[in-house]
């Protein structure tokens, strides 16, 4: 692997999660095409993008900042999932599955952030 972030398990999970969100939105109705669909997809994609971008920074502090952005993006996806559930676009089961995935990603990102801030 050529880049540091490619070895990070949390980045790998984030890439897989982004695909899961993409697949989830394929079932959204057309009237969400310019509303919730792009918002949840951008937020999900942003998790992996921020981890990758931050890993190429010049300092641990800078990387920690980008990990914080990744966490914020994950929280945004959580909110989008609640909206999708409220609008009856996703089932309770789909909500719980994606919520659980995000819980893992957020915890891993926080742990990585805490570890690099201690260095």
N, C-alpha and C. Protein backbone atom coordinates (compact mmCIF):
# COMPACT_ATOMS: atom_id res chain seq x y z
N UNK A 1 0.84 -1.18 0.00
CA UNK A 1 0.00 0.00 0.00
C UNK A 1 0.89 1.25 0.00
N UNK A 2 0.54 2.18 -0.82
CA UNK A 2 1.39 3.34 -1.04
C UNK A 2 1.20 4.46 -0.04
N UNK A 3 0.02 4.58 0.54
CA UNK A 3 -0.26 5.69 1.43
C UNK A 3 -0.56 5.20 2.84
N UNK A 4 -0.18 5.99 3.81
CA UNK A 4 -0.34 5.65 5.22
C UNK A 4 -1.80 5.30 5.57
N UNK A 5 -2.73 6.09 5.07
CA UNK A 5 -4.13 5.88 5.44
C UNK A 5 -4.68 4.54 4.95
N UNK A 6 -4.13 4.00 3.87
CA UNK A 6 -4.64 2.75 3.33
C UNK A 6 -4.47 1.58 4.30
N UNK A 7 -3.55 1.72 5.22
CA UNK A 7 -3.33 0.67 6.22
C UNK A 7 -4.22 0.82 7.45
N UNK A 8 -4.89 1.94 7.57
CA UNK A 8 -5.73 2.19 8.74
C UNK A 8 -7.05 1.44 8.63
N UNK A 9 -7.32 0.59 9.60
CA UNK A 9 -8.56 -0.20 9.61
C UNK A 9 -9.79 0.71 9.59
N UNK A 10 -9.72 1.83 10.30
CA UNK A 10 -10.86 2.73 10.35
C UNK A 10 -11.13 3.35 8.98
N UNK A 11 -10.08 3.62 8.21
CA UNK A 11 -10.28 4.14 6.85
C UNK A 11 -10.92 3.06 5.98
N UNK A 12 -10.44 1.82 6.09
CA UNK A 12 -10.99 0.72 5.32
C UNK A 12 -12.48 0.52 5.63
N UNK A 13 -12.83 0.58 6.92
CA UNK A 13 -14.24 0.45 7.31
C UNK A 13 -15.06 1.62 6.77
N UNK A 14 -14.48 2.79 6.77
CA UNK A 14 -15.18 3.97 6.27
C UNK A 14 -15.47 3.86 4.78
N UNK A 15 -14.53 3.32 4.03
CA UNK A 15 -14.75 3.11 2.60
C UNK A 15 -15.90 2.11 2.39
N UNK A 16 -15.90 1.02 3.14
CA UNK A 16 -16.98 0.04 3.04
C UNK A 16 -18.32 0.64 3.44
N UNK A 17 -18.28 1.46 4.49
CA UNK A 17 -19.51 2.09 4.96
C UNK A 17 -20.07 3.04 3.90
N UNK A 18 -19.19 3.76 3.25
CA UNK A 18 -19.62 4.68 2.19
C UNK A 18 -20.37 3.93 1.10
N UNK A 19 -19.89 2.76 0.77
CA UNK A 19 -20.58 1.93 -0.23
C UNK A 19 -21.94 1.49 0.28
N UNK A 20 -22.01 1.13 1.55
CA UNK A 20 -23.29 0.71 2.12
C UNK A 20 -24.32 1.84 2.07
N UNK A 21 -23.86 3.05 2.34
CA UNK A 21 -24.77 4.21 2.29
C UNK A 21 -25.20 4.46 0.85
N UNK A 22 -24.28 4.35 -0.08
CA UNK A 22 -24.63 4.50 -1.49
C UNK A 22 -25.73 3.50 -1.87
N UNK A 23 -25.52 2.24 -1.50
CA UNK A 23 -26.51 1.20 -1.81
C UNK A 23 -27.85 1.50 -1.13
N UNK A 24 -27.81 1.98 0.10
CA UNK A 24 -29.03 2.32 0.82
C UNK A 24 -29.82 3.39 0.09
N UNK A 25 -29.13 4.40 -0.41
CA UNK A 25 -29.83 5.51 -1.06
C UNK A 25 -30.44 5.14 -2.41
N UNK A 26 -30.01 4.02 -2.97
CA UNK A 26 -30.60 3.60 -4.25
C UNK A 26 -32.09 3.32 -4.13
N UNK A 27 -32.54 3.03 -2.91
CA UNK A 27 -33.97 2.76 -2.69
C UNK A 27 -34.75 4.01 -2.31
N UNK A 28 -34.08 5.15 -2.15
CA UNK A 28 -34.77 6.38 -1.79
C UNK A 28 -35.63 6.85 -2.96
N UNK A 29 -36.77 7.46 -2.66
CA UNK A 29 -37.63 7.94 -3.76
C UNK A 29 -36.98 9.11 -4.51
N UNK A 30 -37.46 9.32 -5.69
CA UNK A 30 -36.91 10.36 -6.55
C UNK A 30 -37.00 11.76 -5.95
N UNK A 31 -38.03 12.01 -5.14
CA UNK A 31 -38.17 13.35 -4.57
C UNK A 31 -37.09 13.65 -3.52
N UNK A 32 -36.31 12.66 -3.14
CA UNK A 32 -35.17 12.87 -2.23
C UNK A 32 -33.85 13.03 -3.00
N UNK A 33 -33.92 12.97 -4.33
CA UNK A 33 -32.73 12.99 -5.16
C UNK A 33 -31.85 14.22 -4.92
N UNK A 34 -32.46 15.36 -4.63
CA UNK A 34 -31.68 16.58 -4.42
C UNK A 34 -31.76 17.07 -2.97
N UNK A 35 -32.27 16.22 -2.10
CA UNK A 35 -32.43 16.62 -0.69
C UNK A 35 -31.56 15.73 0.19
N UNK A 36 -32.12 14.63 0.67
CA UNK A 36 -31.42 13.78 1.62
C UNK A 36 -30.35 12.89 0.96
N UNK A 37 -30.63 12.41 -0.23
CA UNK A 37 -29.71 11.48 -0.89
C UNK A 37 -28.29 12.04 -1.01
N UNK A 38 -28.10 13.21 -1.61
CA UNK A 38 -26.72 13.71 -1.72
C UNK A 38 -26.11 14.09 -0.38
N UNK A 39 -26.95 14.53 0.55
CA UNK A 39 -26.43 14.94 1.86
C UNK A 39 -25.84 13.77 2.62
N UNK A 40 -26.56 12.67 2.69
CA UNK A 40 -26.07 11.51 3.44
C UNK A 40 -24.87 10.88 2.73
N UNK A 41 -24.89 10.88 1.39
CA UNK A 41 -23.76 10.32 0.65
C UNK A 41 -22.50 11.17 0.83
N UNK A 42 -22.62 12.49 0.77
CA UNK A 42 -21.46 13.37 0.96
C UNK A 42 -20.89 13.22 2.37
N UNK A 43 -21.78 13.16 3.36
CA UNK A 43 -21.32 13.03 4.74
C UNK A 43 -20.61 11.69 4.95
N UNK A 44 -21.16 10.62 4.39
CA UNK A 44 -20.53 9.30 4.53
C UNK A 44 -19.18 9.27 3.83
N UNK A 45 -19.12 9.83 2.63
CA UNK A 45 -17.85 9.89 1.90
C UNK A 45 -16.81 10.73 2.64
N UNK A 46 -17.28 11.75 3.30
CA UNK A 46 -16.39 12.68 3.99
C UNK A 46 -15.63 12.02 5.14
N UNK A 47 -16.18 10.99 5.72
CA UNK A 47 -15.49 10.29 6.81
C UNK A 47 -14.15 9.77 6.30
N UNK A 48 -14.17 8.97 5.25
CA UNK A 48 -12.94 8.40 4.70
C UNK A 48 -12.03 9.48 4.12
N UNK A 49 -12.63 10.48 3.46
CA UNK A 49 -11.81 11.53 2.86
C UNK A 49 -11.03 12.31 3.91
N UNK A 50 -11.67 12.61 5.03
CA UNK A 50 -10.97 13.35 6.08
C UNK A 50 -9.87 12.53 6.75
N UNK A 51 -10.11 11.26 6.93
CA UNK A 51 -9.06 10.39 7.49
C UNK A 51 -7.87 10.36 6.54
N UNK A 52 -8.13 10.20 5.26
CA UNK A 52 -7.05 10.14 4.28
C UNK A 52 -6.30 11.47 4.22
N UNK A 53 -7.03 12.55 4.10
CA UNK A 53 -6.37 13.87 3.97
C UNK A 53 -5.55 14.20 5.21
N UNK A 54 -6.09 13.92 6.36
CA UNK A 54 -5.37 14.22 7.59
C UNK A 54 -4.11 13.41 7.78
N UNK A 55 -4.11 12.19 7.28
CA UNK A 55 -2.95 11.31 7.47
C UNK A 55 -1.73 11.79 6.71
N UNK A 56 -1.93 12.64 5.74
CA UNK A 56 -0.81 13.15 4.95
C UNK A 56 -0.33 14.51 5.44
N UNK A 57 -0.85 14.93 6.59
CA UNK A 57 -0.46 16.22 7.16
C UNK A 57 0.95 16.23 7.69
N UNK A 58 1.35 17.37 8.15
CA UNK A 58 2.72 17.55 8.62
C UNK A 58 2.88 17.33 10.12
N UNK A 59 1.76 17.19 10.83
CA UNK A 59 1.87 17.02 12.28
C UNK A 59 0.74 16.14 12.80
N UNK A 60 0.96 15.59 13.98
CA UNK A 60 -0.09 14.81 14.62
C UNK A 60 -1.28 15.69 14.97
N UNK A 61 -1.01 16.94 15.32
CA UNK A 61 -2.10 17.87 15.65
C UNK A 61 -3.02 18.08 14.45
N UNK A 62 -2.41 18.23 13.28
CA UNK A 62 -3.19 18.41 12.06
C UNK A 62 -4.01 17.15 11.76
N UNK A 63 -3.40 15.99 11.90
CA UNK A 63 -4.10 14.73 11.70
C UNK A 63 -5.28 14.63 12.67
N UNK A 64 -5.05 15.00 13.91
CA UNK A 64 -6.11 14.96 14.93
C UNK A 64 -7.28 15.86 14.53
N UNK A 65 -6.97 17.01 13.96
CA UNK A 65 -8.04 17.92 13.51
C UNK A 65 -8.89 17.26 12.43
N UNK A 66 -8.24 16.61 11.46
CA UNK A 66 -8.98 15.95 10.40
C UNK A 66 -9.78 14.76 10.92
N UNK A 67 -9.25 14.08 11.93
CA UNK A 67 -10.02 12.99 12.55
C UNK A 67 -11.26 13.53 13.24
N UNK A 68 -11.14 14.71 13.80
CA UNK A 68 -12.31 15.36 14.42
C UNK A 68 -13.34 15.69 13.33
N UNK A 69 -12.89 16.14 12.18
CA UNK A 69 -13.81 16.41 11.07
C UNK A 69 -14.50 15.11 10.62
N UNK A 70 -13.74 14.02 10.60
CA UNK A 70 -14.31 12.73 10.22
C UNK A 70 -15.41 12.32 11.20
N UNK A 71 -15.17 12.55 12.48
CA UNK A 71 -16.17 12.23 13.50
C UNK A 71 -17.42 13.08 13.30
N UNK A 72 -17.23 14.35 13.01
CA UNK A 72 -18.37 15.23 12.76
C UNK A 72 -19.18 14.76 11.55
N UNK A 73 -18.50 14.31 10.52
CA UNK A 73 -19.19 13.79 9.35
C UNK A 73 -19.99 12.54 9.70
N UNK A 74 -19.41 11.69 10.53
CA UNK A 74 -20.12 10.48 10.96
C UNK A 74 -21.38 10.84 11.75
N UNK A 75 -21.27 11.84 12.60
CA UNK A 75 -22.44 12.29 13.37
C UNK A 75 -23.50 12.86 12.44
N UNK A 76 -23.07 13.53 11.38
CA UNK A 76 -24.02 14.04 10.39
C UNK A 76 -24.77 12.88 9.72
N UNK A 77 -24.07 11.80 9.45
CA UNK A 77 -24.74 10.62 8.86
C UNK A 77 -25.76 10.06 9.85
N UNK A 78 -25.41 10.03 11.13
CA UNK A 78 -26.38 9.56 12.14
C UNK A 78 -27.66 10.38 12.05
N UNK A 79 -27.52 11.68 11.98
CA UNK A 79 -28.69 12.55 11.88
C UNK A 79 -29.48 12.27 10.61
N UNK A 80 -28.79 12.08 9.50
CA UNK A 80 -29.47 11.75 8.25
C UNK A 80 -30.22 10.42 8.35
N UNK A 81 -29.65 9.46 9.06
CA UNK A 81 -30.33 8.18 9.24
C UNK A 81 -31.63 8.37 10.03
N UNK A 82 -31.58 9.21 11.05
CA UNK A 82 -32.81 9.51 11.80
C UNK A 82 -33.86 10.15 10.90
N UNK A 83 -33.43 11.07 10.06
CA UNK A 83 -34.36 11.73 9.14
C UNK A 83 -34.95 10.69 8.18
N UNK A 84 -34.10 9.83 7.63
CA UNK A 84 -34.58 8.80 6.71
C UNK A 84 -35.57 7.87 7.40
N UNK A 85 -35.30 7.53 8.64
CA UNK A 85 -36.21 6.67 9.38
C UNK A 85 -37.53 7.39 9.64
N UNK A 86 -37.45 8.65 10.02
CA UNK A 86 -38.66 9.44 10.29
C UNK A 86 -39.52 9.59 9.04
N UNK A 87 -38.89 9.72 7.89
CA UNK A 87 -39.61 9.85 6.62
C UNK A 87 -40.02 8.49 6.05
N UNK A 88 -39.73 7.44 6.81
CA UNK A 88 -40.06 6.06 6.42
C UNK A 88 -39.38 5.65 5.11
N UNK A 89 -38.15 6.11 4.94
CA UNK A 89 -37.35 5.73 3.78
C UNK A 89 -36.53 4.49 4.06
N UNK A 90 -36.27 4.22 5.34
CA UNK A 90 -35.52 3.04 5.75
C UNK A 90 -36.25 2.36 6.90
N UNK A 91 -36.01 1.08 7.02
CA UNK A 91 -36.62 0.30 8.10
C UNK A 91 -35.85 0.50 9.40
N UNK A 92 -36.44 0.08 10.49
CA UNK A 92 -35.76 0.13 11.78
C UNK A 92 -34.50 -0.74 11.74
N UNK A 93 -34.59 -1.87 11.07
CA UNK A 93 -33.43 -2.77 10.95
C UNK A 93 -32.28 -2.13 10.20
N UNK A 94 -32.58 -1.47 9.09
CA UNK A 94 -31.53 -0.78 8.32
C UNK A 94 -30.94 0.36 9.14
N UNK A 95 -31.79 1.08 9.83
CA UNK A 95 -31.31 2.15 10.70
C UNK A 95 -30.32 1.60 11.72
N UNK A 96 -30.70 0.55 12.42
CA UNK A 96 -29.85 -0.02 13.47
C UNK A 96 -28.53 -0.54 12.91
N UNK A 97 -28.58 -1.18 11.76
CA UNK A 97 -27.36 -1.71 11.14
C UNK A 97 -26.37 -0.59 10.84
N UNK A 98 -26.83 0.46 10.21
CA UNK A 98 -25.96 1.57 9.85
C UNK A 98 -25.53 2.37 11.08
N UNK A 99 -26.41 2.51 12.03
CA UNK A 99 -26.09 3.19 13.29
C UNK A 99 -24.97 2.43 14.01
N UNK A 100 -25.08 1.12 14.05
CA UNK A 100 -24.05 0.30 14.70
C UNK A 100 -22.71 0.43 13.98
N UNK A 101 -22.75 0.44 12.65
CA UNK A 101 -21.51 0.63 11.88
C UNK A 101 -20.86 1.96 12.24
N UNK A 102 -21.67 3.00 12.32
CA UNK A 102 -21.14 4.33 12.65
C UNK A 102 -20.59 4.39 14.07
N UNK A 103 -21.23 3.69 14.97
CA UNK A 103 -20.73 3.66 16.35
C UNK A 103 -19.31 3.09 16.38
N UNK A 104 -19.09 2.04 15.64
CA UNK A 104 -17.75 1.43 15.56
C UNK A 104 -16.76 2.39 14.92
N UNK A 105 -17.14 3.00 13.81
CA UNK A 105 -16.24 3.92 13.11
C UNK A 105 -15.90 5.12 13.99
N UNK A 106 -16.89 5.66 14.67
CA UNK A 106 -16.64 6.81 15.54
C UNK A 106 -15.72 6.43 16.69
N UNK A 107 -15.97 5.31 17.32
CA UNK A 107 -15.11 4.88 18.43
C UNK A 107 -13.67 4.64 17.97
N UNK A 108 -13.52 4.02 16.81
CA UNK A 108 -12.17 3.77 16.29
C UNK A 108 -11.47 5.09 15.94
N UNK A 109 -12.20 6.01 15.37
CA UNK A 109 -11.62 7.31 15.00
C UNK A 109 -11.23 8.08 16.25
N UNK A 110 -12.07 8.06 17.27
CA UNK A 110 -11.74 8.72 18.53
C UNK A 110 -10.51 8.09 19.17
N UNK A 111 -10.43 6.77 19.14
CA UNK A 111 -9.26 6.08 19.73
C UNK A 111 -7.99 6.45 18.97
N UNK A 112 -8.06 6.48 17.64
CA UNK A 112 -6.91 6.88 16.85
C UNK A 112 -6.51 8.32 17.17
N UNK A 113 -7.49 9.18 17.25
CA UNK A 113 -7.21 10.60 17.58
C UNK A 113 -6.54 10.72 18.93
N UNK A 114 -7.08 10.02 19.92
CA UNK A 114 -6.50 10.08 21.26
C UNK A 114 -5.07 9.55 21.26
N UNK A 115 -4.83 8.49 20.51
CA UNK A 115 -3.47 7.90 20.50
C UNK A 115 -2.45 8.82 19.84
N UNK A 116 -2.84 9.49 18.78
CA UNK A 116 -1.85 10.37 18.13
C UNK A 116 -1.65 11.66 18.90
N UNK A 117 -2.64 12.07 19.68
CA UNK A 117 -2.45 13.28 20.51
C UNK A 117 -1.53 13.00 21.69
N UNK A 118 -1.41 11.73 22.08
CA UNK A 118 -0.51 11.37 23.18
C UNK A 118 0.94 11.29 22.74
N UNK A 119 1.17 11.16 21.44
CA UNK A 119 2.53 11.01 20.93
C UNK A 119 3.30 12.32 21.03
